[in-house]
Amino acid sequence: MKKDEKFTDDSDTGKASPVPVGGERIFLPVCINITDKAILVVGGGRVAAQKLKTLLKYTRNITVCAPEIRPEIRTTGIRCLRQKYSPELLDKYRLVYACTDDKKLNRQIAADAGKRGILVNVADDPLYCDFISPAVFKQGDISVAVSSNGKNVKKSVRLRDRFRQILESENE
């Protein structure tokens, strides 16, 4: 980025988005060490359940917080808090997923996490994400992640599925 580029500001949350005006986010694909790191998922619906499908392949050190939590989430054995979100919840966590059906609340979660230096993923709102979730296939020690920088999820999933076929055919 050039030194003189301006950044957007979100008056709803007060969080300055480090995106050049008229620009977009650029995400670096990385693997994060989550050993002994607690993860918080705020939201207990369909989107949270989808995020958990990938997270549970890597860790069980996850807490879900929402007033209502889907049965398929409650039966995973992870910690479930049936309560509304409050910023104080964030203090115990290193990664946060904002997965509610309330865009304003998700953005508030992002702002609260940002103030605490906690990385946050805001479902379906990449401008407020510190990281995005790629389409992932995991087989043993091999993980394949495909990302479109948050722009074309369906294509990422199709490509991930192609890699899955390749890896599964190698094991036959």
N, C-alpha and C. Protein backbone atom coordinates (compact mmCIF):
# COMPACT_ATOMS: atom_id res chain seq x y z
N MET A 1 0.83 -1.18 0.00
CA MET A 1 0.00 0.00 0.00
C MET A 1 0.87 1.24 0.00
N LYS A 2 0.42 2.24 -0.66
CA LYS A 2 1.15 3.49 -0.69
C LYS A 2 0.90 4.27 0.60
N LYS A 3 1.87 5.08 0.98
CA LYS A 3 1.76 5.83 2.23
C LYS A 3 0.58 6.80 2.24
N ASP A 4 0.23 7.34 1.10
CA ASP A 4 -0.81 8.36 1.07
C ASP A 4 -2.22 7.81 0.87
N GLU A 5 -2.39 6.48 0.85
CA GLU A 5 -3.73 5.92 0.67
C GLU A 5 -4.58 6.19 1.91
N LYS A 6 -5.86 6.44 1.69
CA LYS A 6 -6.78 6.68 2.79
C LYS A 6 -7.49 5.38 3.12
N PHE A 7 -8.01 5.33 4.33
CA PHE A 7 -8.69 4.14 4.79
C PHE A 7 -10.14 4.45 5.08
N THR A 8 -10.98 3.42 4.94
CA THR A 8 -12.40 3.59 5.22
C THR A 8 -12.62 3.57 6.72
N ASP A 9 -13.75 4.08 7.14
CA ASP A 9 -14.12 4.08 8.55
C ASP A 9 -15.56 3.62 8.64
N ASP A 10 -15.87 2.80 9.59
CA ASP A 10 -17.23 2.33 9.77
C ASP A 10 -17.83 3.02 10.98
N SER A 11 -18.76 3.91 10.74
CA SER A 11 -19.33 4.68 11.84
C SER A 11 -20.19 3.83 12.76
N ASP A 12 -20.69 2.66 12.29
CA ASP A 12 -21.48 1.80 13.16
C ASP A 12 -20.65 1.23 14.30
N THR A 13 -19.43 0.79 13.99
CA THR A 13 -18.62 0.13 15.01
C THR A 13 -17.44 0.99 15.46
N GLY A 14 -17.11 1.99 14.68
CA GLY A 14 -15.94 2.80 15.01
C GLY A 14 -14.65 2.13 14.59
N LYS A 15 -14.73 0.96 13.99
CA LYS A 15 -13.53 0.23 13.58
C LYS A 15 -13.07 0.75 12.23
N ALA A 16 -11.87 1.26 12.19
CA ALA A 16 -11.29 1.66 10.91
C ALA A 16 -10.94 0.41 10.15
N SER A 17 -11.42 0.31 8.95
CA SER A 17 -11.13 -0.83 8.11
C SER A 17 -9.89 -0.52 7.28
N PRO A 18 -8.80 -1.30 7.43
CA PRO A 18 -7.58 -1.01 6.70
C PRO A 18 -7.69 -1.39 5.23
N VAL A 19 -8.68 -0.83 4.58
CA VAL A 19 -8.91 -1.07 3.17
C VAL A 19 -8.82 0.26 2.46
N PRO A 20 -7.97 0.39 1.47
CA PRO A 20 -7.92 1.64 0.74
C PRO A 20 -9.30 1.96 0.18
N VAL A 21 -9.68 3.23 0.21
CA VAL A 21 -10.96 3.64 -0.34
C VAL A 21 -11.03 3.12 -1.78
N GLY A 22 -12.11 2.42 -2.09
CA GLY A 22 -12.26 1.83 -3.42
C GLY A 22 -11.47 0.55 -3.59
N GLY A 23 -10.80 0.08 -2.54
CA GLY A 23 -9.96 -1.11 -2.64
C GLY A 23 -10.61 -2.32 -2.02
N GLU A 24 -9.80 -3.32 -1.74
CA GLU A 24 -10.29 -4.56 -1.15
C GLU A 24 -9.23 -5.14 -0.24
N ARG A 25 -9.62 -6.09 0.58
CA ARG A 25 -8.69 -6.76 1.48
C ARG A 25 -7.84 -7.76 0.71
N ILE A 26 -6.64 -7.95 1.17
CA ILE A 26 -5.74 -8.95 0.61
C ILE A 26 -5.41 -9.91 1.76
N PHE A 27 -5.71 -11.19 1.59
CA PHE A 27 -5.51 -12.18 2.64
C PHE A 27 -4.34 -13.08 2.29
N LEU A 28 -3.44 -13.28 3.24
CA LEU A 28 -2.30 -14.16 3.10
C LEU A 28 -2.68 -15.54 3.62
N PRO A 29 -2.57 -16.58 2.80
CA PRO A 29 -2.86 -17.92 3.30
C PRO A 29 -1.78 -18.36 4.29
N VAL A 30 -2.19 -18.70 5.49
CA VAL A 30 -1.25 -19.16 6.52
C VAL A 30 -1.91 -20.29 7.30
N CYS A 31 -1.10 -21.04 8.02
CA CYS A 31 -1.60 -22.04 8.96
C CYS A 31 -1.27 -21.51 10.35
N ILE A 32 -2.26 -21.44 11.20
CA ILE A 32 -2.11 -20.86 12.54
C ILE A 32 -1.99 -21.97 13.57
N ASN A 33 -1.02 -21.83 14.47
CA ASN A 33 -0.86 -22.77 15.57
C ASN A 33 -2.00 -22.54 16.57
N ILE A 34 -2.89 -23.51 16.69
CA ILE A 34 -4.00 -23.37 17.64
C ILE A 34 -3.86 -24.31 18.83
N THR A 35 -2.69 -24.90 18.99
CA THR A 35 -2.45 -25.76 20.14
C THR A 35 -2.72 -24.96 21.41
N ASP A 36 -3.58 -25.46 22.24
CA ASP A 36 -3.94 -24.82 23.52
C ASP A 36 -4.51 -23.41 23.36
N LYS A 37 -5.05 -23.08 22.20
CA LYS A 37 -5.68 -21.77 21.98
C LYS A 37 -7.19 -21.96 21.95
N ALA A 38 -7.87 -21.17 22.74
CA ALA A 38 -9.34 -21.25 22.82
C ALA A 38 -9.95 -20.44 21.68
N ILE A 39 -10.99 -21.01 21.07
CA ILE A 39 -11.69 -20.38 19.96
C ILE A 39 -13.14 -20.15 20.37
N LEU A 40 -13.65 -18.96 20.05
CA LEU A 40 -15.04 -18.61 20.34
C LEU A 40 -15.81 -18.46 19.04
N VAL A 41 -16.96 -19.11 18.97
CA VAL A 41 -17.89 -18.93 17.86
C VAL A 41 -19.13 -18.27 18.44
N VAL A 42 -19.42 -17.05 17.98
CA VAL A 42 -20.61 -16.35 18.45
C VAL A 42 -21.70 -16.56 17.41
N GLY A 43 -22.74 -17.23 17.81
CA GLY A 43 -23.84 -17.60 16.91
C GLY A 43 -24.04 -19.09 17.01
N GLY A 44 -25.29 -19.52 16.94
CA GLY A 44 -25.58 -20.93 17.10
C GLY A 44 -26.42 -21.50 15.99
N GLY A 45 -26.44 -20.82 14.84
CA GLY A 45 -27.28 -21.25 13.73
C GLY A 45 -26.53 -21.99 12.63
N ARG A 46 -27.09 -21.92 11.43
CA ARG A 46 -26.57 -22.64 10.26
C ARG A 46 -25.13 -22.25 9.94
N VAL A 47 -24.82 -20.95 9.95
CA VAL A 47 -23.47 -20.49 9.59
C VAL A 47 -22.45 -20.98 10.63
N ALA A 48 -22.79 -20.90 11.89
CA ALA A 48 -21.90 -21.39 12.94
C ALA A 48 -21.67 -22.89 12.77
N ALA A 49 -22.73 -23.63 12.48
CA ALA A 49 -22.59 -25.08 12.28
C ALA A 49 -21.65 -25.38 11.12
N GLN A 50 -21.74 -24.60 10.07
CA GLN A 50 -20.85 -24.78 8.91
C GLN A 50 -19.39 -24.51 9.27
N LYS A 51 -19.14 -23.42 10.00
CA LYS A 51 -17.76 -23.11 10.43
C LYS A 51 -17.22 -24.23 11.31
N LEU A 52 -18.07 -24.76 12.17
CA LEU A 52 -17.64 -25.79 13.10
C LEU A 52 -17.23 -27.09 12.39
N LYS A 53 -17.80 -27.37 11.23
CA LYS A 53 -17.42 -28.58 10.50
C LYS A 53 -15.91 -28.60 10.24
N THR A 54 -15.36 -27.45 9.89
CA THR A 54 -13.92 -27.37 9.65
C THR A 54 -13.15 -27.29 10.97
N LEU A 55 -13.57 -26.43 11.87
CA LEU A 55 -12.86 -26.25 13.13
C LEU A 55 -12.70 -27.57 13.90
N LEU A 56 -13.74 -28.37 13.91
CA LEU A 56 -13.71 -29.62 14.68
C LEU A 56 -12.74 -30.65 14.12
N LYS A 57 -12.27 -30.47 12.90
CA LYS A 57 -11.25 -31.35 12.33
C LYS A 57 -9.88 -31.07 12.95
N TYR A 58 -9.76 -29.91 13.59
CA TYR A 58 -8.46 -29.46 14.10
C TYR A 58 -8.41 -29.33 15.62
N THR A 59 -9.52 -29.03 16.25
CA THR A 59 -9.52 -28.81 17.70
C THR A 59 -10.92 -29.00 18.27
N ARG A 60 -10.94 -29.22 19.56
CA ARG A 60 -12.20 -29.26 20.30
C ARG A 60 -12.21 -28.15 21.35
N ASN A 61 -11.19 -27.32 21.34
CA ASN A 61 -11.08 -26.21 22.30
C ASN A 61 -11.90 -25.02 21.77
N ILE A 62 -13.19 -25.27 21.64
CA ILE A 62 -14.11 -24.30 21.03
C ILE A 62 -15.28 -24.07 21.97
N THR A 63 -15.70 -22.83 22.05
CA THR A 63 -16.92 -22.47 22.78
C THR A 63 -17.86 -21.80 21.80
N VAL A 64 -19.12 -22.18 21.84
CA VAL A 64 -20.17 -21.54 21.05
C VAL A 64 -21.04 -20.75 22.01
N CYS A 65 -21.31 -19.50 21.65
CA CYS A 65 -22.14 -18.63 22.48
C CYS A 65 -23.29 -18.09 21.65
N ALA A 66 -24.51 -18.35 22.10
CA ALA A 66 -25.71 -17.82 21.45
C ALA A 66 -26.92 -18.12 22.33
N PRO A 67 -27.94 -17.29 22.25
CA PRO A 67 -29.16 -17.59 23.02
C PRO A 67 -29.81 -18.90 22.59
N GLU A 68 -29.75 -19.20 21.29
CA GLU A 68 -30.28 -20.45 20.75
C GLU A 68 -29.17 -21.15 19.99
N ILE A 69 -28.97 -22.43 20.27
CA ILE A 69 -27.91 -23.20 19.62
C ILE A 69 -28.53 -24.46 19.01
N ARG A 70 -28.24 -24.65 17.73
CA ARG A 70 -28.79 -25.81 17.00
C ARG A 70 -28.41 -27.12 17.68
N PRO A 71 -29.31 -28.10 17.63
CA PRO A 71 -29.02 -29.40 18.26
C PRO A 71 -27.74 -30.05 17.75
N GLU A 72 -27.46 -29.95 16.43
CA GLU A 72 -26.25 -30.60 15.90
C GLU A 72 -24.97 -29.95 16.43
N ILE A 73 -25.05 -28.72 16.90
CA ILE A 73 -23.90 -28.08 17.55
C ILE A 73 -23.80 -28.55 19.00
N ARG A 74 -24.94 -28.57 19.69
CA ARG A 74 -24.94 -28.98 21.11
C ARG A 74 -24.45 -30.40 21.30
N THR A 75 -24.65 -31.28 20.32
CA THR A 75 -24.27 -32.68 20.47
C THR A 75 -22.81 -32.97 20.08
N THR A 76 -22.04 -31.93 19.71
CA THR A 76 -20.63 -32.15 19.34
C THR A 76 -19.74 -32.38 20.55
N GLY A 77 -20.22 -32.03 21.73
CA GLY A 77 -19.40 -32.18 22.93
C GLY A 77 -18.55 -30.96 23.25
N ILE A 78 -18.61 -29.92 22.41
CA ILE A 78 -17.87 -28.70 22.72
C ILE A 78 -18.69 -27.86 23.70
N ARG A 79 -18.06 -26.89 24.30
CA ARG A 79 -18.72 -26.03 25.29
C ARG A 79 -19.74 -25.12 24.60
N CYS A 80 -20.95 -25.10 25.11
CA CYS A 80 -22.01 -24.25 24.57
C CYS A 80 -22.54 -23.36 25.67
N LEU A 81 -22.51 -22.05 25.43
CA LEU A 81 -23.06 -21.07 26.36
C LEU A 81 -24.35 -20.52 25.77
N ARG A 82 -25.46 -20.82 26.38
CA ARG A 82 -26.75 -20.32 25.89
C ARG A 82 -26.99 -18.96 26.52
N GLN A 83 -26.40 -17.95 25.90
CA GLN A 83 -26.53 -16.58 26.39
C GLN A 83 -26.24 -15.61 25.26
N LYS A 84 -26.61 -14.37 25.47
CA LYS A 84 -26.32 -13.33 24.50
C LYS A 84 -24.84 -12.98 24.56
N TYR A 85 -24.34 -12.45 23.46
CA TYR A 85 -22.95 -12.00 23.38
C TYR A 85 -22.72 -10.82 24.30
N SER A 86 -21.57 -10.81 24.95
CA SER A 86 -21.10 -9.62 25.67
C SER A 86 -19.59 -9.53 25.44
N PRO A 87 -19.07 -8.31 25.31
CA PRO A 87 -17.64 -8.15 24.99
C PRO A 87 -16.69 -8.85 25.96
N GLU A 88 -17.08 -8.98 27.23
CA GLU A 88 -16.22 -9.61 28.23
C GLU A 88 -15.92 -11.07 27.88
N LEU A 89 -16.79 -11.70 27.13
CA LEU A 89 -16.56 -13.10 26.72
C LEU A 89 -15.26 -13.26 25.95
N LEU A 90 -14.88 -12.25 25.20
CA LEU A 90 -13.73 -12.35 24.31
C LEU A 90 -12.41 -12.54 25.04
N ASP A 91 -12.34 -12.10 26.28
CA ASP A 91 -11.07 -12.06 26.99
C ASP A 91 -10.36 -13.41 27.13
N LYS A 92 -11.07 -14.51 27.00
CA LYS A 92 -10.48 -15.84 27.17
C LYS A 92 -10.05 -16.48 25.86
N TYR A 93 -10.26 -15.80 24.73
CA TYR A 93 -10.11 -16.45 23.43
C TYR A 93 -9.03 -15.81 22.56
N ARG A 94 -8.47 -16.63 21.64
CA ARG A 94 -7.42 -16.15 20.73
C ARG A 94 -7.93 -15.95 19.31
N LEU A 95 -8.98 -16.68 18.94
CA LEU A 95 -9.65 -16.55 17.65
C LEU A 95 -11.14 -16.45 17.89
N VAL A 96 -11.80 -15.59 17.11
CA VAL A 96 -13.24 -15.43 17.25
C VAL A 96 -13.89 -15.49 15.88
N TYR A 97 -15.00 -16.19 15.81
CA TYR A 97 -15.84 -16.25 14.62
C TYR A 97 -17.17 -15.60 14.96
N ALA A 98 -17.50 -14.52 14.25
CA ALA A 98 -18.80 -13.85 14.43
C ALA A 98 -19.75 -14.42 13.39
N CYS A 99 -20.68 -15.24 13.83
CA CYS A 99 -21.55 -16.00 12.92
C CYS A 99 -23.03 -15.79 13.23
N THR A 100 -23.40 -14.63 13.70
CA THR A 100 -24.82 -14.40 14.00
C THR A 100 -25.53 -13.99 12.71
N ASP A 101 -26.85 -13.90 12.78
CA ASP A 101 -27.61 -13.43 11.62
C ASP A 101 -27.87 -11.92 11.70
N ASP A 102 -27.11 -11.25 12.56
CA ASP A 102 -27.25 -9.80 12.78
C ASP A 102 -25.94 -9.12 12.35
N LYS A 103 -25.96 -8.49 11.18
CA LYS A 103 -24.75 -7.88 10.61
C LYS A 103 -24.15 -6.83 11.55
N LYS A 104 -25.00 -6.04 12.18
CA LYS A 104 -24.51 -5.00 13.09
C LYS A 104 -23.81 -5.63 14.30
N LEU A 105 -24.39 -6.69 14.85
CA LEU A 105 -23.76 -7.38 15.98
C LEU A 105 -22.44 -8.00 15.56
N ASN A 106 -22.40 -8.64 14.39
CA ASN A 106 -21.15 -9.22 13.91
C ASN A 106 -20.06 -8.17 13.81
N ARG A 107 -20.41 -7.00 13.31
CA ARG A 107 -19.43 -5.92 13.18
C ARG A 107 -19.01 -5.38 14.55
N GLN A 108 -19.92 -5.39 15.50
CA GLN A 108 -19.57 -4.98 16.86
C GLN A 108 -18.61 -5.98 17.48
N ILE A 109 -18.85 -7.26 17.24
CA ILE A 109 -17.93 -8.30 17.72
C ILE A 109 -16.54 -8.08 17.13
N ALA A 110 -16.49 -7.74 15.84
CA ALA A 110 -15.21 -7.46 15.18
C ALA A 110 -14.50 -6.28 15.84
N ALA A 111 -15.25 -5.23 16.13
CA ALA A 111 -14.66 -4.06 16.78
C ALA A 111 -14.15 -4.41 18.17
N ASP A 112 -14.95 -5.15 18.94
CA ASP A 112 -14.56 -5.54 20.30
C ASP A 112 -13.32 -6.43 20.27
N ALA A 113 -13.27 -7.36 19.33
CA ALA A 113 -12.10 -8.23 19.21
C ALA A 113 -10.87 -7.43 18.80
N GLY A 114 -11.06 -6.50 17.88
CA GLY A 114 -9.95 -5.66 17.43
C GLY A 114 -9.32 -4.86 18.55
N LYS A 115 -10.16 -4.33 19.43
CA LYS A 115 -9.66 -3.57 20.58
C LYS A 115 -8.81 -4.43 21.51
N ARG A 116 -9.06 -5.72 21.50
CA ARG A 116 -8.34 -6.65 22.37
C ARG A 116 -7.19 -7.36 21.65
N GLY A 117 -7.01 -7.06 20.37
CA GLY A 117 -5.95 -7.70 19.60
C GLY A 117 -6.24 -9.16 19.27
N ILE A 118 -7.52 -9.52 19.21
CA ILE A 118 -7.93 -10.88 18.92
C ILE A 118 -8.32 -10.97 17.45
N LEU A 119 -7.82 -11.97 16.76
CA LEU A 119 -8.17 -12.16 15.35
C LEU A 119 -9.62 -12.59 15.23
N VAL A 120 -10.33 -11.99 14.26
CA VAL A 120 -11.76 -12.27 14.10
C VAL A 120 -12.10 -12.56 12.65
N ASN A 121 -13.04 -13.49 12.48
CA ASN A 121 -13.63 -13.79 11.18
C ASN A 121 -15.11 -13.42 11.29
N VAL A 122 -15.55 -12.54 10.41
CA VAL A 122 -16.96 -12.15 10.37
C VAL A 122 -17.59 -12.84 9.18
N ALA A 123 -18.47 -13.77 9.45
CA ALA A 123 -19.08 -14.58 8.39
C ALA A 123 -19.74 -13.71 7.34
N ASP A 124 -19.41 -13.99 6.09
CA ASP A 124 -20.02 -13.33 4.93
C ASP A 124 -19.79 -11.82 4.90
N ASP A 125 -18.72 -11.34 5.52
CA ASP A 125 -18.44 -9.90 5.55
C ASP A 125 -16.92 -9.69 5.58
N PRO A 126 -16.21 -10.03 4.49
CA PRO A 126 -14.74 -10.04 4.50
C PRO A 126 -14.09 -8.69 4.82
N LEU A 127 -14.78 -7.59 4.62
CA LEU A 127 -14.19 -6.29 4.96
C LEU A 127 -13.95 -6.12 6.45
N TYR A 128 -14.61 -6.93 7.26
CA TYR A 128 -14.45 -6.84 8.71
C TYR A 128 -13.65 -8.00 9.28
N CYS A 129 -13.09 -8.82 8.41
CA CYS A 129 -12.33 -10.00 8.84
C CYS A 129 -10.84 -9.70 8.97
N ASP A 130 -10.23 -10.27 10.00
CA ASP A 130 -8.77 -10.31 10.08
C ASP A 130 -8.26 -11.52 9.31
N PHE A 131 -9.11 -12.54 9.18
CA PHE A 131 -8.78 -13.73 8.41
C PHE A 131 -10.08 -14.27 7.82
N ILE A 132 -9.94 -15.03 6.75
CA ILE A 132 -11.11 -15.67 6.16
C ILE A 132 -10.91 -17.18 6.21
N SER A 133 -11.99 -17.90 6.11
CA SER A 133 -11.92 -19.35 6.16
C SER A 133 -11.96 -19.90 4.74
N PRO A 134 -10.89 -20.56 4.33
CA PRO A 134 -10.88 -21.15 2.98
C PRO A 134 -11.70 -22.43 2.96
N ALA A 135 -11.93 -22.94 1.77
CA ALA A 135 -12.54 -24.26 1.62
C ALA A 135 -11.43 -25.27 1.94
N VAL A 136 -11.66 -26.14 2.91
CA VAL A 136 -10.61 -27.01 3.43
C VAL A 136 -10.97 -28.48 3.26
N PHE A 137 -9.96 -29.27 2.88
CA PHE A 137 -10.05 -30.72 2.91
C PHE A 137 -8.88 -31.21 3.75
N LYS A 138 -9.16 -32.05 4.74
CA LYS A 138 -8.12 -32.59 5.62
C LYS A 138 -8.16 -34.10 5.56
N GLN A 139 -6.98 -34.67 5.32
CA GLN A 139 -6.83 -36.12 5.30
C GLN A 139 -5.53 -36.45 6.02
N GLY A 140 -5.65 -36.96 7.23
CA GLY A 140 -4.46 -37.24 8.03
C GLY A 140 -3.70 -35.95 8.29
N ASP A 141 -2.41 -35.96 7.95
CA ASP A 141 -1.57 -34.78 8.17
C ASP A 141 -1.64 -33.77 7.02
N ILE A 142 -2.37 -34.09 5.98
CA ILE A 142 -2.46 -33.22 4.81
C ILE A 142 -3.72 -32.36 4.89
N SER A 143 -3.54 -31.06 4.76
CA SER A 143 -4.66 -30.13 4.67
C SER A 143 -4.51 -29.34 3.37
N VAL A 144 -5.59 -29.27 2.62
CA VAL A 144 -5.61 -28.47 1.41
C VAL A 144 -6.64 -27.37 1.63
N ALA A 145 -6.20 -26.13 1.45
CA ALA A 145 -7.09 -24.98 1.62
C ALA A 145 -7.12 -24.18 0.32
N VAL A 146 -8.32 -23.86 -0.13
CA VAL A 146 -8.49 -23.09 -1.36
C VAL A 146 -9.27 -21.84 -1.02
N SER A 147 -8.72 -20.70 -1.41
CA SER A 147 -9.36 -19.42 -1.12
C SER A 147 -9.45 -18.57 -2.38
N SER A 148 -10.49 -17.77 -2.43
CA SER A 148 -10.66 -16.82 -3.53
C SER A 148 -10.62 -15.39 -3.00
N ASN A 149 -9.94 -15.21 -1.86
CA ASN A 149 -9.89 -13.90 -1.19
C ASN A 149 -11.29 -13.45 -0.79
N GLY A 150 -12.16 -14.41 -0.53
CA GLY A 150 -13.52 -14.10 -0.09
C GLY A 150 -14.47 -13.69 -1.20
N LYS A 151 -14.07 -13.90 -2.46
CA LYS A 151 -14.87 -13.40 -3.58
C LYS A 151 -15.71 -14.46 -4.28
N ASN A 152 -15.22 -15.70 -4.34
CA ASN A 152 -15.93 -16.72 -5.11
C ASN A 152 -15.88 -18.04 -4.34
N VAL A 153 -16.72 -18.12 -3.33
CA VAL A 153 -16.73 -19.29 -2.45
C VAL A 153 -17.07 -20.56 -3.21
N LYS A 154 -18.04 -20.50 -4.11
CA LYS A 154 -18.45 -21.70 -4.85
C LYS A 154 -17.29 -22.26 -5.68
N LYS A 155 -16.52 -21.40 -6.31
CA LYS A 155 -15.38 -21.87 -7.10
C LYS A 155 -14.32 -22.49 -6.18
N SER A 156 -14.09 -21.87 -5.02
CA SER A 156 -13.14 -22.43 -4.06
C SER A 156 -13.56 -23.83 -3.63
N VAL A 157 -14.83 -24.01 -3.37
CA VAL A 157 -15.34 -25.31 -2.95
C VAL A 157 -15.18 -26.34 -4.08
N ARG A 158 -15.47 -25.95 -5.31
CA ARG A 158 -15.30 -26.86 -6.45
C ARG A 158 -13.83 -27.30 -6.57
N LEU A 159 -12.91 -26.35 -6.45
CA LEU A 159 -11.49 -26.69 -6.55
C LEU A 159 -11.04 -27.57 -5.38
N ARG A 160 -11.53 -27.25 -4.19
CA ARG A 160 -11.21 -28.08 -3.02
C ARG A 160 -11.66 -29.51 -3.26
N ASP A 161 -12.86 -29.66 -3.81
CA ASP A 161 -13.39 -31.00 -4.07
C ASP A 161 -12.56 -31.75 -5.11
N ARG A 162 -12.00 -31.03 -6.07
CA ARG A 162 -11.11 -31.67 -7.05
C ARG A 162 -9.85 -32.19 -6.37
N PHE A 163 -9.29 -31.37 -5.47
CA PHE A 163 -8.12 -31.82 -4.71
C PHE A 163 -8.47 -33.03 -3.86
N ARG A 164 -9.66 -33.04 -3.28
CA ARG A 164 -10.10 -34.18 -2.48
C ARG A 164 -10.09 -35.45 -3.33
N GLN A 165 -10.63 -35.36 -4.54
CA GLN A 165 -10.65 -36.52 -5.43
C GLN A 165 -9.24 -37.01 -5.74
N ILE A 166 -8.33 -36.09 -5.99
CA ILE A 166 -6.94 -36.45 -6.30
C ILE A 166 -6.31 -37.16 -5.10
N LEU A 167 -6.46 -36.60 -3.93
CA LEU A 167 -5.84 -37.19 -2.74
C LEU A 167 -6.47 -38.54 -2.38
N GLU A 168 -7.78 -38.64 -2.54
CA GLU A 168 -8.44 -39.90 -2.23
C GLU A 168 -8.05 -40.98 -3.23
N SER A 169 -7.83 -40.61 -4.51
CA SER A 169 -7.44 -41.60 -5.50
C SER A 169 -6.01 -42.11 -5.26
N GLU A 170 -5.16 -41.27 -4.67
CA GLU A 170 -3.80 -41.70 -4.34
C GLU A 170 -3.78 -42.75 -3.26
N ASN A 171 -4.81 -42.78 -2.43
CA ASN A 171 -4.87 -43.72 -1.30
C ASN A 171 -5.57 -45.02 -1.65
N GLU A 172 -6.01 -45.17 -2.88
CA GLU A 172 -6.73 -46.40 -3.27
C GLU A 172 -5.77 -47.52 -3.57
